[in-house]
C-alpha atoms as a PDB file:
ATOM      1  CA  UNK A   1       2.416 -99.173  15.154  1.00  0.00           C
ATOM      2  CA  UNK A   2       3.772 -95.853  16.324  1.00  0.00           C
ATOM      3  CA  UNK A   3       3.735 -94.379  19.815  1.00  0.00           C
ATOM      4  CA  UNK A   4       0.446 -92.645  20.556  1.00  0.00           C
ATOM      5  CA  UNK A   5      -1.481 -90.906  23.326  1.00  0.00           C
ATOM      6  CA  UNK A   6      -4.225 -93.056  24.828  1.00  0.00           C
ATOM      7  CA  UNK A   7      -5.471 -91.701  28.177  1.00  0.00           C
ATOM      8  CA  UNK A   8      -5.320 -89.240  31.055  1.00  0.00           C
ATOM      9  CA  UNK A   9      -5.880 -90.556  34.584  1.00  0.00           C
ATOM     10  CA  UNK A  10      -6.381 -88.668  37.821  1.00  0.00           C
ATOM     11  CA  UNK A  11      -4.485 -90.419  40.629  1.00  0.00           C
ATOM     12  CA  UNK A  12      -5.355 -89.590  44.243  1.00  0.00           C
ATOM     13  CA  UNK A  13      -3.675 -91.038  47.333  1.00  0.00           C
ATOM     14  CA  UNK A  14      -4.380 -89.766  50.843  1.00  0.00           C
ATOM     15  CA  UNK A  15      -3.667 -90.716  54.452  1.00  0.00           C
ATOM     16  CA  UNK A  16      -7.309 -90.102  55.334  1.00  0.00           C
ATOM     17  CA  UNK A  17     -10.618 -90.802  53.608  1.00  0.00           C
ATOM     18  CA  UNK A  18     -12.146 -88.220  51.273  1.00  0.00           C
ATOM     19  CA  UNK A  19     -15.901 -89.016  51.117  1.00  0.00           C
ATOM     20  CA  UNK A  20     -17.064 -85.631  49.765  1.00  0.00           C
ATOM     21  CA  UNK A  21     -14.438 -85.604  47.036  1.00  0.00           C
ATOM     22  CA  UNK A  22     -15.240 -89.229  46.205  1.00  0.00           C
ATOM     23  CA  UNK A  23     -18.931 -88.351  45.785  1.00  0.00           C
ATOM     24  CA  UNK A  24     -17.956 -85.510  43.445  1.00  0.00           C
ATOM     25  CA  UNK A  25     -15.649 -87.801  41.437  1.00  0.00           C
ATOM     26  CA  UNK A  26     -18.424 -90.396  41.103  1.00  0.00           C
ATOM     27  CA  UNK A  27     -20.515 -87.755  39.326  1.00  0.00           C
ATOM     28  CA  UNK A  28     -17.828 -87.773  36.628  1.00  0.00           C
ATOM     29  CA  UNK A  29     -17.310 -91.535  36.564  1.00  0.00           C
ATOM     30  CA  UNK A  30     -19.842 -93.796  38.270  1.00  0.00           C
ATOM     31  CA  UNK A  31     -17.227 -96.587  38.260  1.00  0.00           C
ATOM     32  CA  UNK A  32     -14.882 -94.514  40.426  1.00  0.00           C
ATOM     33  CA  UNK A  33     -13.912 -96.620  43.437  1.00  0.00           C
ATOM     34  CA  UNK A  34     -12.015 -95.476  46.518  1.00  0.00           C
ATOM     35  CA  UNK A  35      -9.831 -98.161  48.045  1.00  0.00           C
ATOM     36  CA  UNK A  36      -9.024 -98.074  51.782  1.00  0.00           C
ATOM     37  CA  UNK A  37      -5.532 -98.674  53.142  1.00  0.00           C
ATOM     38  CA  UNK A  38      -4.411-102.293  53.305  1.00  0.00           C
ATOM     39  CA  UNK A  39      -1.308-104.315  54.154  1.00  0.00           C
ATOM     40  CA  UNK A  40       0.318-103.411  50.802  1.00  0.00           C
ATOM     41  CA  UNK A  41      -0.686 -99.750  50.514  1.00  0.00           C
ATOM     42  CA  UNK A  42      -1.112 -97.367  53.487  1.00  0.00           C
ATOM     43  CA  UNK A  43      -3.193 -94.827  51.516  1.00  0.00           C
ATOM     44  CA  UNK A  44      -6.804 -94.234  50.616  1.00  0.00           C
ATOM     45  CA  UNK A  45      -6.624 -94.279  46.824  1.00  0.00           C
ATOM     46  CA  UNK A  46      -8.534 -93.864  43.598  1.00  0.00           C
ATOM     47  CA  UNK A  47      -7.588 -93.687  39.949  1.00  0.00           C
ATOM     48  CA  UNK A  48     -10.127 -92.026  37.662  1.00  0.00           C
ATOM     49  CA  UNK A  49      -9.707 -92.374  33.902  1.00  0.00           C
ATOM     50  CA  UNK A  50     -10.864 -89.262  32.101  1.00  0.00           C
ATOM     51  CA  UNK A  51     -12.751 -89.597  28.849  1.00  0.00           C
ATOM     52  CA  UNK A  52      -9.869 -89.188  26.396  1.00  0.00           C
ATOM     53  CA  UNK A  53     -10.028 -86.453  23.790  1.00  0.00           C
ATOM     54  CA  UNK A  54      -7.780 -86.089  20.755  1.00  0.00           C
ATOM     55  CA  UNK A  55      -4.849 -84.828  22.811  1.00  0.00           C
ATOM     56  CA  UNK A  56      -3.884 -84.523  26.478  1.00  0.00           C
ATOM     57  CA  UNK A  57      -4.041 -80.698  26.438  1.00  0.00           C
ATOM     58  CA  UNK A  58      -7.742 -80.684  25.559  1.00  0.00           C
ATOM     59  CA  UNK A  59      -8.481 -83.555  27.939  1.00  0.00           C
ATOM     60  CA  UNK A  60      -6.754 -81.901  30.894  1.00  0.00           C
ATOM     61  CA  UNK A  61      -8.350 -78.509  30.187  1.00  0.00           C
ATOM     62  CA  UNK A  62     -11.845 -80.017  29.997  1.00  0.00           C
ATOM     63  CA  UNK A  63     -11.402 -81.818  33.298  1.00  0.00           C
ATOM     64  CA  UNK A  64      -9.829 -78.831  35.042  1.00  0.00           C
ATOM     65  CA  UNK A  65     -12.985 -76.900  34.143  1.00  0.00           C
ATOM     66  CA  UNK A  66     -14.991 -79.704  35.732  1.00  0.00           C
ATOM     67  CA  UNK A  67     -12.750 -79.682  38.840  1.00  0.00           C
ATOM     68  CA  UNK A  68     -13.458 -75.961  39.170  1.00  0.00           C
ATOM     69  CA  UNK A  69     -17.058 -76.882  39.998  1.00  0.00           C
ATOM     70  CA  UNK A  70     -15.988 -78.843  43.085  1.00  0.00           C
ATOM     71  CA  UNK A  71     -18.266 -78.171  46.092  1.00  0.00           C
ATOM     72  CA  UNK A  72     -16.632 -76.586  49.154  1.00  0.00           C
ATOM     73  CA  UNK A  73     -16.431 -79.771  51.270  1.00  0.00           C
ATOM     74  CA  UNK A  74     -14.857 -81.675  48.386  1.00  0.00           C
ATOM     75  CA  UNK A  75     -12.431 -78.792  47.807  1.00  0.00           C
ATOM     76  CA  UNK A  76     -11.392 -78.874  51.480  1.00  0.00           C
ATOM     77  CA  UNK A  77     -10.575 -82.579  51.180  1.00  0.00           C
ATOM     78  CA  UNK A  78      -8.805 -81.956  47.842  1.00  0.00           C
ATOM     79  CA  UNK A  79      -6.557 -79.350  49.447  1.00  0.00           C
ATOM     80  CA  UNK A  80      -5.489 -81.820  52.178  1.00  0.00           C
ATOM     81  CA  UNK A  81      -4.625 -84.730  49.877  1.00  0.00           C
ATOM     82  CA  UNK A  82      -0.922 -85.574  49.716  1.00  0.00           C
ATOM     83  CA  UNK A  83      -0.763 -87.053  46.209  1.00  0.00           C
ATOM     84  CA  UNK A  84      -2.763 -85.687  43.293  1.00  0.00           C
ATOM     85  CA  UNK A  85      -1.447 -86.420  39.836  1.00  0.00           C
ATOM     86  CA  UNK A  86      -2.617 -86.263  36.256  1.00  0.00           C
ATOM     87  CA  UNK A  87      -1.008 -89.242  34.533  1.00  0.00           C
ATOM     88  CA  UNK A  88      -0.870 -89.266  30.743  1.00  0.00           C
ATOM     89  CA  UNK A  89      -0.662 -92.738  29.207  1.00  0.00           C
ATOM     90  CA  UNK A  90       0.882 -93.664  25.884  1.00  0.00           C
ATOM     91  CA  UNK A  91       1.260 -96.856  23.914  1.00  0.00           C
ATOM     92  CA  UNK A  92       4.978 -96.952  23.194  1.00  0.00           C
ATOM     93  CA  UNK A  93       6.726 -98.570  20.277  1.00  0.00           C
ATOM     94  CA  UNK A  94      10.432 -98.976  19.581  1.00  0.00           C
ATOM     95  CA  UNK A  95       9.860 -98.606  15.830  1.00  0.00           C
ATOM     96  CA  UNK A  96      10.564 -94.885  15.947  1.00  0.00           C
ATOM     97  CA  UNK A  97      13.574 -93.119  17.433  1.00  0.00           C
ATOM     98  CA  UNK A  98      11.506 -90.481  19.211  1.00  0.00           C
ATOM     99  CA  UNK A  99       7.999 -89.378  20.099  1.00  0.00           C
ATOM    100  CA  UNK A 100       7.173 -85.841  21.195  1.00  0.00           C
ATOM    101  CA  UNK A 101       4.031 -84.653  22.966  1.00  0.00           C
ATOM    102  CA  UNK A 102       3.686 -80.939  23.618  1.00  0.00           C
ATOM    103  CA  UNK A 103       1.947 -79.803  26.797  1.00  0.00           C
ATOM    104  CA  UNK A 104       1.126 -76.120  26.559  1.00  0.00           C
ATOM    105  CA  UNK A 105       2.188 -73.606  29.210  1.00  0.00           C
ATOM    106  CA  UNK A 106      -1.492 -72.883  29.887  1.00  0.00           C
ATOM    107  CA  UNK A 107      -2.108 -76.563  30.725  1.00  0.00           C
ATOM    108  CA  UNK A 108       0.918 -76.693  33.007  1.00  0.00           C
ATOM    109  CA  UNK A 109      -0.421 -73.561  34.723  1.00  0.00           C
ATOM    110  CA  UNK A 110      -3.846 -75.210  35.131  1.00  0.00           C
ATOM    111  CA  UNK A 111      -2.228 -78.241  36.758  1.00  0.00           C
ATOM    112  CA  UNK A 112      -0.386 -75.962  39.164  1.00  0.00           C
ATOM    113  CA  UNK A 113      -3.646 -74.149  40.029  1.00  0.00           C
ATOM    114  CA  UNK A 114      -5.022 -77.466  41.302  1.00  0.00           C
ATOM    115  CA  UNK A 115      -1.709 -78.492  42.888  1.00  0.00           C
ATOM    116  CA  UNK A 116      -1.650 -81.463  40.499  1.00  0.00           C
ATOM    117  CA  UNK A 117       1.507 -83.343  39.629  1.00  0.00           C
ATOM    118  CA  UNK A 118       2.157 -84.628  36.127  1.00  0.00           C
ATOM    119  CA  UNK A 119       2.979 -88.251  35.401  1.00  0.00           C
ATOM    120  CA  UNK A 120       3.712 -90.098  32.182  1.00  0.00           C
ATOM    121  CA  UNK A 121       3.165 -93.807  31.676  1.00  0.00           C
ATOM    122  CA  UNK A 122       4.458 -95.699  28.647  1.00  0.00           C
ATOM    123  CA  UNK A 123       2.685 -98.961  27.858  1.00  0.00           C
ATOM    124  CA  UNK A 124       4.490-101.379  25.585  1.00  0.00           C
ATOM    125  CA  UNK A 125       2.555-102.020  22.386  1.00  0.00           C
ATOM    126  CA  UNK A 126       4.334-105.335  22.041  1.00  0.00           C
ATOM    127  CA  UNK A 127       5.741-107.018  25.136  1.00  0.00           C
ATOM    128  CA  UNK A 128       8.158-108.921  22.903  1.00  0.00           C
ATOM    129  CA  UNK A 129      10.017-105.658  22.278  1.00  0.00           C
ATOM    130  CA  UNK A 130      11.401-105.933  25.803  1.00  0.00           C
ATOM    131  CA  UNK A 131      12.606-109.522  25.439  1.00  0.00           C
ATOM    132  CA  UNK A 132      15.751-108.222  23.705  1.00  0.00           C
ATOM    133  CA  UNK A 133      16.801-106.529  26.958  1.00  0.00           C
ATOM    134  CA  UNK A 134      16.728-109.589  29.195  1.00  0.00           C
END
């Protein structure tokens, strides 16, 4: 199996609750849960998986259009949140020497318009691939 794109997640972590933004996010994903701070994590947090499209550029653009429709109260909370990140997930394989994913300048600009960070997560296709490094 080769390395491939699988998902885009929206990660949000805040020092205070964001009920209006959470209500807006639940319109996109009814399974969206907001977790309060606890002994292991001092933040209010949610992680919303976007419906994946064929590539991360299209997925991010579609969801940025949706974020544009944020109501004012949700937008106010959005602007105050400390950590907002779009995280692109890939299944990673060591069978190939390299894997390249191109994110267009227009998508990077869209992320900046929403003050969104960009994260990349590589998921091992085969956990045994890592046993050689122990």
